[in-house]
Amino acid sequence: MRGGPFGYITALGVRLDARGQGLARTLLAHVLRALREAGLEHAVLDVDADSPTGALGLYQSLGFTVTDRSISLVKRS
């Protein structure tokens, strides 16, 4: 489906008081290098496209492209 074996990045977050220092970019670059060294040609992650943190822009600047979109439905009591 994704052109071969891939690494799946389940979570990436930076505490609010530590944002804006490039920590997410550095951490993600480290993970991508490790995946490449492990022989994986692709990396996959999910992101809230409406997130006010700018996560989508960060991922795209590191070479990720949007391939699928989904909608999550939640029922609150």
PDB file of N, CA and C in Angstrom:
ATOM      1  N   MET A   1       0.815  -1.198   0.000  1.00  0.00           N
ATOM      2  CA  MET A   1       0.000   0.000   0.000  1.00  0.00           C
ATOM      3  C   MET A   1       0.860   1.264   0.000  1.00  0.00           C
ATOM      4  N   ARG A   2       1.942   1.258   0.737  1.00  0.00           N
ATOM      5  CA  ARG A   2       2.767   2.454   0.845  1.00  0.00           C
ATOM      6  C   ARG A   2       4.122   2.268   0.153  1.00  0.00           C
ATOM      7  N   GLY A   3       4.234   1.272  -0.688  1.00  0.00           N
ATOM      8  CA  GLY A   3       5.452   1.088  -1.456  1.00  0.00           C
ATOM      9  C   GLY A   3       6.546   0.328  -0.741  1.00  0.00           C
ATOM     10  N   GLY A   4       6.212  -0.471   0.232  1.00  0.00           N
ATOM     11  CA  GLY A   4       7.217  -1.266   0.931  1.00  0.00           C
ATOM     12  C   GLY A   4       7.145  -1.061   2.431  1.00  0.00           C
ATOM     13  N   PRO A   5       8.087  -1.666   3.132  1.00  0.00           N
ATOM     14  CA  PRO A   5       8.090  -1.529   4.589  1.00  0.00           C
ATOM     15  C   PRO A   5       8.213  -0.064   5.010  1.00  0.00           C
ATOM     16  N   PHE A   6       7.559   0.273   6.104  1.00  0.00           N
ATOM     17  CA  PHE A   6       7.602   1.655   6.562  1.00  0.00           C
ATOM     18  C   PHE A   6       7.625   1.723   8.081  1.00  0.00           C
ATOM     19  N   GLY A   7       8.130   2.830   8.590  1.00  0.00           N
ATOM     20  CA  GLY A   7       8.091   3.110  10.014  1.00  0.00           C
ATOM     21  C   GLY A   7       6.882   3.970  10.311  1.00  0.00           C
ATOM     22  N   TYR A   8       6.209   3.657  11.402  1.00  0.00           N
ATOM     23  CA  TYR A   8       5.029   4.436  11.782  1.00  0.00           C
ATOM     24  C   TYR A   8       5.346   5.232  13.039  1.00  0.00           C
ATOM     25  N   ILE A   9       5.224   6.521  12.951  1.00  0.00           N
ATOM     26  CA  ILE A   9       5.503   7.409  14.086  1.00  0.00           C
ATOM     27  C   ILE A   9       4.175   7.639  14.796  1.00  0.00           C
ATOM     28  N   THR A  10       4.068   7.106  16.000  1.00  0.00           N
ATOM     29  CA  THR A  10       2.788   7.135  16.704  1.00  0.00           C
ATOM     30  C   THR A  10       2.516   8.447  17.412  1.00  0.00           C
ATOM     31  N   ALA A  11       3.541   9.102  17.917  1.00  0.00           N
ATOM     32  CA  ALA A  11       3.310  10.338  18.667  1.00  0.00           C
ATOM     33  C   ALA A  11       4.557  11.203  18.662  1.00  0.00           C
ATOM     34  N   LEU A  12       4.326  12.497  18.621  1.00  0.00           N
ATOM     35  CA  LEU A  12       5.391  13.474  18.738  1.00  0.00           C
ATOM     36  C   LEU A  12       4.785  14.697  19.404  1.00  0.00           C
ATOM     37  N   GLY A  13       5.362  15.127  20.485  1.00  0.00           N
ATOM     38  CA  GLY A  13       4.826  16.293  21.169  1.00  0.00           C
ATOM     39  C   GLY A  13       5.913  17.041  21.912  1.00  0.00           C
ATOM     40  N   VAL A  14       5.699  18.314  22.078  1.00  0.00           N
ATOM     41  CA  VAL A  14       6.613  19.168  22.832  1.00  0.00           C
ATOM     42  C   VAL A  14       5.775  19.973  23.812  1.00  0.00           C
ATOM     43  N   ARG A  15       6.223  20.008  25.058  1.00  0.00           N
ATOM     44  CA  ARG A  15       5.500  20.774  26.069  1.00  0.00           C
ATOM     45  C   ARG A  15       5.351  22.226  25.635  1.00  0.00           C
ATOM     46  N   LEU A  16       4.250  22.819  25.997  1.00  0.00           N
ATOM     47  CA  LEU A  16       3.939  24.185  25.598  1.00  0.00           C
ATOM     48  C   LEU A  16       5.075  25.148  25.939  1.00  0.00           C
ATOM     49  N   ASP A  17       5.653  25.035  27.123  1.00  0.00           N
ATOM     50  CA  ASP A  17       6.709  25.977  27.531  1.00  0.00           C
ATOM     51  C   ASP A  17       8.039  25.733  26.820  1.00  0.00           C
ATOM     52  N   ALA A  18       8.155  24.655  26.073  1.00  0.00           N
ATOM     53  CA  ALA A  18       9.392  24.349  25.351  1.00  0.00           C
ATOM     54  C   ALA A  18       9.243  24.508  23.846  1.00  0.00           C
ATOM     55  N   ARG A  19       8.090  24.930  23.390  1.00  0.00           N
ATOM     56  CA  ARG A  19       7.861  25.072  21.949  1.00  0.00           C
ATOM     57  C   ARG A  19       8.638  26.252  21.385  1.00  0.00           C
ATOM     58  N   GLY A  20       8.866  26.188  20.081  1.00  0.00           N
ATOM     59  CA  GLY A  20       9.546  27.277  19.390  1.00  0.00           C
ATOM     60  C   GLY A  20      11.061  27.186  19.443  1.00  0.00           C
ATOM     61  N   GLN A  21      11.599  26.081  19.944  1.00  0.00           N
ATOM     62  CA  GLN A  21      13.046  25.919  20.047  1.00  0.00           C
ATOM     63  C   GLN A  21      13.595  24.909  19.042  1.00  0.00           C
ATOM     64  N   GLY A  22      12.731  24.384  18.191  1.00  0.00           N
ATOM     65  CA  GLY A  22      13.175  23.422  17.189  1.00  0.00           C
ATOM     66  C   GLY A  22      13.285  22.000  17.709  1.00  0.00           C
ATOM     67  N   LEU A  23      12.732  21.723  18.882  1.00  0.00           N
ATOM     68  CA  LEU A  23      12.845  20.384  19.461  1.00  0.00           C
ATOM     69  C   LEU A  23      12.114  19.331  18.636  1.00  0.00           C
ATOM     70  N   ALA A  24      10.913  19.639  18.182  1.00  0.00           N
ATOM     71  CA  ALA A  24      10.146  18.664  17.391  1.00  0.00           C
ATOM     72  C   ALA A  24      10.879  18.340  16.094  1.00  0.00           C
ATOM     73  N   ARG A  25      11.406  19.350  15.436  1.00  0.00           N
ATOM     74  CA  ARG A  25      12.148  19.144  14.179  1.00  0.00           C
ATOM     75  C   ARG A  25      13.380  18.276  14.426  1.00  0.00           C
ATOM     76  N   THR A  26      14.112  18.557  15.486  1.00  0.00           N
ATOM     77  CA  THR A  26      15.316  17.793  15.811  1.00  0.00           C
ATOM     78  C   THR A  26      14.976  16.343  16.139  1.00  0.00           C
ATOM     79  N   LEU A  27      13.960  16.150  16.958  1.00  0.00           N
ATOM     80  CA  LEU A  27      13.550  14.800  17.333  1.00  0.00           C
ATOM     81  C   LEU A  27      13.079  14.012  16.123  1.00  0.00           C
ATOM     82  N   LEU A  28      12.252  14.627  15.299  1.00  0.00           N
ATOM     83  CA  LEU A  28      11.737  13.941  14.121  1.00  0.00           C
ATOM     84  C   LEU A  28      12.851  13.623  13.130  1.00  0.00           C
ATOM     85  N   ALA A  29      13.795  14.530  12.951  1.00  0.00           N
ATOM     86  CA  ALA A  29      14.931  14.263  12.060  1.00  0.00           C
ATOM     87  C   ALA A  29      15.738  13.077  12.574  1.00  0.00           C
ATOM     88  N   HIS A  30      15.915  12.984  13.876  1.00  0.00           N
ATOM     89  CA  HIS A  30      16.630  11.849  14.472  1.00  0.00           C
ATOM     90  C   HIS A  30      15.888  10.535  14.196  1.00  0.00           C
ATOM     91  N   VAL A  31      14.572  10.538  14.383  1.00  0.00           N
ATOM     92  CA  VAL A  31      13.766   9.339  14.145  1.00  0.00           C
ATOM     93  C   VAL A  31      13.832   8.939  12.670  1.00  0.00           C
ATOM     94  N   LEU A  32      13.744   9.909  11.773  1.00  0.00           N
ATOM     95  CA  LEU A  32      13.799   9.601  10.339  1.00  0.00           C
ATOM     96  C   LEU A  32      15.139   9.003   9.945  1.00  0.00           C
ATOM     97  N   ARG A  33      16.232   9.507  10.527  1.00  0.00           N
ATOM     98  CA  ARG A  33      17.552   8.913  10.267  1.00  0.00           C
ATOM     99  C   ARG A  33      17.602   7.472  10.763  1.00  0.00           C
ATOM    100  N   ALA A  34      17.058   7.234  11.957  1.00  0.00           N
ATOM    101  CA  ALA A  34      17.067   5.881  12.529  1.00  0.00           C
ATOM    102  C   ALA A  34      16.248   4.926  11.664  1.00  0.00           C
ATOM    103  N   LEU A  35      15.124   5.375  11.156  1.00  0.00           N
ATOM    104  CA  LEU A  35      14.306   4.527  10.279  1.00  0.00           C
ATOM    105  C   LEU A  35      15.076   4.201   8.998  1.00  0.00           C
ATOM    106  N   ARG A  36      15.735   5.200   8.437  1.00  0.00           N
ATOM    107  CA  ARG A  36      16.511   4.991   7.215  1.00  0.00           C
ATOM    108  C   ARG A  36      17.651   3.991   7.470  1.00  0.00           C
ATOM    109  N   GLU A  37      18.338   4.157   8.606  1.00  0.00           N
ATOM    110  CA  GLU A  37      19.430   3.240   8.946  1.00  0.00           C
ATOM    111  C   GLU A  37      18.927   1.817   9.174  1.00  0.00           C
ATOM    112  N   ALA A  38      17.660   1.690   9.573  1.00  0.00           N
ATOM    113  CA  ALA A  38      17.055   0.371   9.782  1.00  0.00           C
ATOM    114  C   ALA A  38      16.572  -0.240   8.465  1.00  0.00           C
ATOM    115  N   GLY A  39      16.761   0.489   7.364  1.00  0.00           N
ATOM    116  CA  GLY A  39      16.386  -0.032   6.059  1.00  0.00           C
ATOM    117  C   GLY A  39      14.967   0.277   5.636  1.00  0.00           C
ATOM    118  N   LEU A  40      14.295   1.151   6.359  1.00  0.00           N
ATOM    119  CA  LEU A  40      12.919   1.510   5.997  1.00  0.00           C
ATOM    120  C   LEU A  40      12.944   2.712   5.063  1.00  0.00           C
ATOM    121  N   GLU A  41      12.223   2.595   3.966  1.00  0.00           N
ATOM    122  CA  GLU A  41      12.238   3.642   2.945  1.00  0.00           C
ATOM    123  C   GLU A  41      11.168   4.694   3.143  1.00  0.00           C
ATOM    124  N   HIS A  42      10.182   4.402   3.969  1.00  0.00           N
ATOM    125  CA  HIS A  42       9.065   5.326   4.150  1.00  0.00           C
ATOM    126  C   HIS A  42       8.755   5.492   5.626  1.00  0.00           C
ATOM    127  N   ALA A  43       8.258   6.667   5.975  1.00  0.00           N
ATOM    128  CA  ALA A  43       7.766   6.929   7.324  1.00  0.00           C
ATOM    129  C   ALA A  43       6.337   7.450   7.195  1.00  0.00           C
ATOM    130  N   VAL A  44       5.491   7.042   8.124  1.00  0.00           N
ATOM    131  CA  VAL A  44       4.078   7.406   8.107  1.00  0.00           C
ATOM    132  C   VAL A  44       3.714   7.954   9.475  1.00  0.00           C
ATOM    133  N   LEU A  45       2.869   8.978   9.493  1.00  0.00           N
ATOM    134  CA  LEU A  45       2.324   9.484  10.745  1.00  0.00           C
ATOM    135  C   LEU A  45       0.950  10.063  10.485  1.00  0.00           C
ATOM    136  N   ASP A  46       0.224  10.272  11.548  1.00  0.00           N
ATOM    137  CA  ASP A  46      -1.092  10.906  11.475  1.00  0.00           C
ATOM    138  C   ASP A  46      -0.988  12.267  12.145  1.00  0.00           C
ATOM    139  N   VAL A  47      -1.746  13.225  11.656  1.00  0.00           N
ATOM    140  CA  VAL A  47      -1.717  14.570  12.226  1.00  0.00           C
ATOM    141  C   VAL A  47      -3.108  15.174  12.159  1.00  0.00           C
ATOM    142  N   ASP A  48      -3.424  15.985  13.152  1.00  0.00           N
ATOM    143  CA  ASP A  48      -4.656  16.767  13.140  1.00  0.00           C
ATOM    144  C   ASP A  48      -4.396  17.967  12.235  1.00  0.00           C
ATOM    145  N   ALA A  49      -4.980  17.948  11.062  1.00  0.00           N
ATOM    146  CA  ALA A  49      -4.712  19.003  10.077  1.00  0.00           C
ATOM    147  C   ALA A  49      -5.177  20.371  10.561  1.00  0.00           C
ATOM    148  N   ASP A  50      -6.071  20.407  11.549  1.00  0.00           N
ATOM    149  CA  ASP A  50      -6.560  21.676  12.086  1.00  0.00           C
ATOM    150  C   ASP A  50      -5.820  22.107  13.345  1.00  0.00           C
ATOM    151  N   SER A  51      -4.779  21.390  13.707  1.00  0.00           N
ATOM    152  CA  SER A  51      -4.032  21.704  14.921  1.00  0.00           C
ATOM    153  C   SER A  51      -3.438  23.110  14.842  1.00  0.00           C
ATOM    154  N   PRO A  52      -3.604  23.908  15.883  1.00  0.00           N
ATOM    155  CA  PRO A  52      -3.037  25.260  15.874  1.00  0.00           C
ATOM    156  C   PRO A  52      -1.529  25.285  16.124  1.00  0.00           C
ATOM    157  N   THR A  53      -0.914  24.122  16.339  1.00  0.00           N
ATOM    158  CA  THR A  53       0.515  24.077  16.653  1.00  0.00           C
ATOM    159  C   THR A  53       1.406  24.218  15.428  1.00  0.00           C
ATOM    160  N   GLY A  54       0.862  24.073  14.246  1.00  0.00           N
ATOM    161  CA  GLY A  54       1.673  24.124  13.033  1.00  0.00           C
ATOM    162  C   GLY A  54       2.314  22.793  12.692  1.00  0.00           C
ATOM    163  N   ALA A  55       1.816  21.710  13.299  1.00  0.00           N
ATOM    164  CA  ALA A  55       2.406  20.389  13.087  1.00  0.00           C
ATOM    165  C   ALA A  55       2.397  19.991  11.612  1.00  0.00           C
ATOM    166  N   LEU A  56       1.301  20.232  10.931  1.00  0.00           N
ATOM    167  CA  LEU A  56       1.218  19.842   9.517  1.00  0.00           C
ATOM    168  C   LEU A  56       2.329  20.512   8.712  1.00  0.00           C
ATOM    169  N   GLY A  57       2.552  21.793   8.930  1.00  0.00           N
ATOM    170  CA  GLY A  57       3.615  22.514   8.229  1.00  0.00           C
ATOM    171  C   GLY A  57       4.997  21.957   8.542  1.00  0.00           C
ATOM    172  N   LEU A  58       5.214  21.587   9.807  1.00  0.00           N
ATOM    173  CA  LEU A  58       6.496  20.985  10.195  1.00  0.00           C
ATOM    174  C   LEU A  58       6.723  19.697   9.427  1.00  0.00           C
ATOM    175  N   TYR A  59       5.723  18.828   9.429  1.00  0.00           N
ATOM    176  CA  TYR A  59       5.867  17.534   8.757  1.00  0.00           C
ATOM    177  C   TYR A  59       6.094  17.721   7.264  1.00  0.00           C
ATOM    178  N   GLN A  60       5.361  18.633   6.659  1.00  0.00           N
ATOM    179  CA  GLN A  60       5.538  18.869   5.231  1.00  0.00           C
ATOM    180  C   GLN A  60       6.931  19.433   4.930  1.00  0.00           C
ATOM    181  N   SER A  61       7.461  20.260   5.821  1.00  0.00           N
ATOM    182  CA  SER A  61       8.795  20.829   5.596  1.00  0.00           C
ATOM    183  C   SER A  61       9.883  19.765   5.684  1.00  0.00           C
ATOM    184  N   LEU A  62       9.571  18.632   6.309  1.00  0.00           N
ATOM    185  CA  LEU A  62      10.520  17.527   6.413  1.00  0.00           C
ATOM    186  C   LEU A  62      10.288  16.466   5.336  1.00  0.00           C
ATOM    187  N   GLY A  63       9.408  16.766   4.377  1.00  0.00           N
ATOM    188  CA  GLY A  63       9.224  15.882   3.238  1.00  0.00           C
ATOM    189  C   GLY A  63       7.979  15.017   3.262  1.00  0.00           C
ATOM    190  N   PHE A  64       7.189  15.091   4.333  1.00  0.00           N
ATOM    191  CA  PHE A  64       5.941  14.328   4.369  1.00  0.00           C
ATOM    192  C   PHE A  64       4.928  14.972   3.431  1.00  0.00           C
ATOM    193  N   THR A  65       4.110  14.148   2.806  1.00  0.00           N
ATOM    194  CA  THR A  65       3.039  14.648   1.953  1.00  0.00           C
ATOM    195  C   THR A  65       1.717  14.032   2.411  1.00  0.00           C
ATOM    196  N   VAL A  66       0.645  14.778   2.242  1.00  0.00           N
ATOM    197  CA  VAL A  66      -0.681  14.288   2.602  1.00  0.00           C
ATOM    198  C   VAL A  66      -1.098  13.247   1.575  1.00  0.00           C
ATOM    199  N   THR A  67      -1.445  12.041   2.052  1.00  0.00           N
ATOM    200  CA  THR A  67      -1.891  10.994   1.137  1.00  0.00           C
ATOM    201  C   THR A  67      -3.321  10.577   1.416  1.00  0.00           C
ATOM    202  N   ASP A  68      -3.763  10.705   2.638  1.00  0.00           N
ATOM    203  CA  ASP A  68      -5.118  10.320   3.022  1.00  0.00           C
ATOM    204  C   ASP A  68      -5.649  11.327   4.015  1.00  0.00           C
ATOM    205  N   ARG A  69      -6.954  11.436   4.065  1.00  0.00           N
ATOM    206  CA  ARG A  69      -7.616  12.256   5.082  1.00  0.00           C
ATOM    207  C   ARG A  69      -8.709  11.409   5.706  1.00  0.00           C
ATOM    208  N   SER A  70      -8.936  11.625   6.986  1.00  0.00           N
ATOM    209  CA  SER A  70      -9.997  10.883   7.660  1.00  0.00           C
ATOM    210  C   SER A  70     -10.722  11.824   8.611  1.00  0.00           C
ATOM    211  N   ILE A  71     -11.876  11.402   9.035  1.00  0.00           N
ATOM    212  CA  ILE A  71     -12.691  12.158   9.983  1.00  0.00           C
ATOM    213  C   ILE A  71     -12.910  11.283  11.200  1.00  0.00           C
ATOM    214  N   SER A  72     -12.708  11.865  12.366  1.00  0.00           N
ATOM    215  CA  SER A  72     -12.971  11.149  13.623  1.00  0.00           C
ATOM    216  C   SER A  72     -14.249  11.702  14.224  1.00  0.00           C
ATOM    217  N   LEU A  73     -15.108  10.797  14.628  1.00  0.00           N
ATOM    218  CA  LEU A  73     -16.361  11.196  15.264  1.00  0.00           C
ATOM    219  C   LEU A  73     -16.309  10.824  16.744  1.00  0.00           C
ATOM    220  N   VAL A  74     -16.730  11.721  17.590  1.00  0.00           N
ATOM    221  CA  VAL A  74     -16.722  11.485  19.031  1.00  0.00           C
ATOM    222  C   VAL A  74     -18.085  11.846  19.583  1.00  0.00           C
ATOM    223  N   LYS A  75     -18.638  10.972  20.412  1.00  0.00           N
ATOM    224  CA  LYS A  75     -19.894  11.270  21.096  1.00  0.00           C
ATOM    225  C   LYS A  75     -19.561  11.542  22.554  1.00  0.00           C
ATOM    226  N   ARG A  76     -19.919  12.712  22.997  1.00  0.00           N
ATOM    227  CA  ARG A  76     -19.678  13.087  24.386  1.00  0.00           C
ATOM    228  C   ARG A  76     -20.981  12.961  25.165  1.00  0.00           C
ATOM    229  N   SER A  77     -20.890  12.493  26.388  1.00  0.00           N
ATOM    230  CA  SER A  77     -22.094  12.348  27.214  1.00  0.00           C
ATOM    231  C   SER A  77     -22.593  13.666  27.725  1.00  0.00           C
TER     232      SER A  77
END
